[in-house]
Amino acid sequence: MQHDPLATIREVRAPVLIVNGGQDIQVSPDHAQRLGAALREAGHPDYEVKIFPRLNHLFAVSRGEGAAEYADPDAEVDSEFLSYLADWLTARLTPP
């Protein structure tokens, strides 16, 4: 892959929310931490990194079944994640 996400994110000036499930087996939470570090080093004024320890790649509570649980049509996105996301967006999109 020729794309360097760390170089790209250093150029972003819009508010950034980086979220990751702590039980994500596809994208390690450590990737989110590295993106956050790149923003910090670039002096970005408005970013957050949030790891949800119990959640998988789909932001559903992990049952420890690996990728098989991603196929569960009844899996629900975690309400704590949705609430956090809604609050973050509201704080940035609500006019003063």
Protein backbone atom coordinates (compact mmCIF):
# COMPACT_ATOMS: atom_id res chain seq x y z
CA MET A 1 0.00 0.00 0.00
CA GLN A 2 1.40 3.38 -1.01
CA HIS A 3 -0.79 5.47 1.28
CA ASP A 4 0.59 6.68 4.63
CA PRO A 5 -2.36 7.42 6.95
CA LEU A 6 -0.09 9.03 9.55
CA ALA A 7 1.18 11.59 7.04
CA THR A 8 -2.35 12.26 5.81
CA ILE A 9 -3.88 12.76 9.25
CA ARG A 10 -1.20 15.30 10.18
CA GLU A 11 -2.69 17.57 7.49
CA VAL A 12 -6.29 17.38 8.75
CA ARG A 13 -7.55 20.59 10.34
CA ALA A 14 -11.19 19.65 10.96
CA PRO A 15 -12.19 18.16 14.33
CA VAL A 16 -11.26 14.47 14.50
CA LEU A 17 -12.80 11.65 16.52
CA ILE A 18 -10.85 8.40 16.36
CA VAL A 19 -12.76 5.45 17.80
CA ASN A 20 -11.85 1.78 18.02
CA GLY A 21 -13.24 -1.29 19.67
CA GLY A 22 -10.87 -2.78 22.21
CA GLN A 23 -11.87 -6.27 21.00
CA ASP A 24 -11.45 -5.39 17.31
CA ILE A 25 -9.57 -8.23 15.60
CA GLN A 26 -9.35 -6.38 12.27
CA VAL A 27 -7.90 -3.04 13.33
CA SER A 28 -5.84 -3.01 16.49
CA PRO A 29 -6.66 -0.26 18.99
CA ASP A 30 -2.99 0.61 18.78
CA HIS A 31 -3.64 2.03 15.31
CA ALA A 32 -6.04 4.55 16.85
CA GLN A 33 -3.41 5.49 19.42
CA ARG A 34 -0.82 6.05 16.68
CA LEU A 35 -3.21 8.27 14.72
CA GLY A 36 -3.86 10.26 17.88
CA ALA A 37 -0.13 10.62 18.51
CA ALA A 38 0.34 11.95 14.98
CA LEU A 39 -2.37 14.56 15.58
CA ARG A 40 -0.82 15.54 18.91
CA GLU A 41 2.63 15.90 17.31
CA ALA A 42 1.10 18.04 14.54
CA GLY A 43 -0.43 20.33 17.18
CA HIS A 44 -4.00 19.58 16.16
CA PRO A 45 -6.35 21.62 18.37
CA ASP A 46 -9.44 19.38 18.42
CA TYR A 47 -9.14 15.63 18.37
CA GLU A 48 -10.07 12.73 20.62
CA VAL A 49 -9.08 9.08 20.69
CA LYS A 50 -11.59 6.80 22.38
CA ILE A 51 -11.17 3.04 22.76
CA PHE A 52 -14.27 1.09 23.79
CA PRO A 53 -12.75 -1.92 25.62
CA ARG A 54 -15.70 -4.35 25.25
CA LEU A 55 -16.53 -3.60 21.62
CA ASN A 56 -15.55 -5.30 18.37
CA HIS A 57 -14.96 -3.91 14.87
CA LEU A 58 -18.70 -3.24 14.44
CA PHE A 59 -18.93 -1.39 17.77
CA ALA A 60 -21.05 -4.20 19.18
CA VAL A 61 -20.24 -5.94 22.46
CA SER A 62 -17.79 -8.71 21.66
CA ARG A 63 -18.78 -12.25 22.59
CA GLY A 64 -15.24 -13.53 22.01
CA GLU A 65 -16.23 -15.45 18.87
CA GLY A 66 -13.83 -13.68 16.52
CA ALA A 67 -14.95 -12.70 13.03
CA ALA A 68 -17.92 -15.10 13.22
CA GLU A 69 -19.81 -12.64 15.42
CA TYR A 70 -19.65 -10.03 12.64
CA ALA A 71 -22.16 -12.10 10.67
CA ASP A 72 -24.79 -11.96 13.42
CA PRO A 73 -27.76 -10.03 11.97
CA ASP A 74 -29.05 -9.42 15.51
CA ALA A 75 -25.87 -7.73 16.75
CA GLU A 76 -26.56 -4.18 17.84
CA VAL A 77 -24.26 -1.20 17.89
CA ASP A 78 -23.52 -0.48 21.54
CA SER A 79 -25.63 2.31 23.08
CA GLU A 80 -22.64 3.72 25.00
CA PHE A 81 -20.77 4.13 21.70
CA LEU A 82 -23.77 5.78 20.03
CA SER A 83 -24.24 8.15 22.95
CA TYR A 84 -20.57 9.12 22.94
CA LEU A 85 -20.66 9.72 19.19
CA ALA A 86 -23.86 11.79 19.41
CA ASP A 87 -22.43 13.92 22.23
CA TRP A 88 -19.17 14.51 20.33
CA LEU A 89 -21.02 15.53 17.17
CA THR A 90 -23.51 17.71 19.03
CA ALA A 91 -20.69 19.58 20.78
CA ARG A 92 -19.12 20.44 17.44
CA LEU A 93 -22.17 20.97 15.24
CA THR A 94 -24.46 22.95 17.54
CA PRO A 95 -24.24 26.69 16.82
CA PRO A 96 -23.03 28.81 19.75
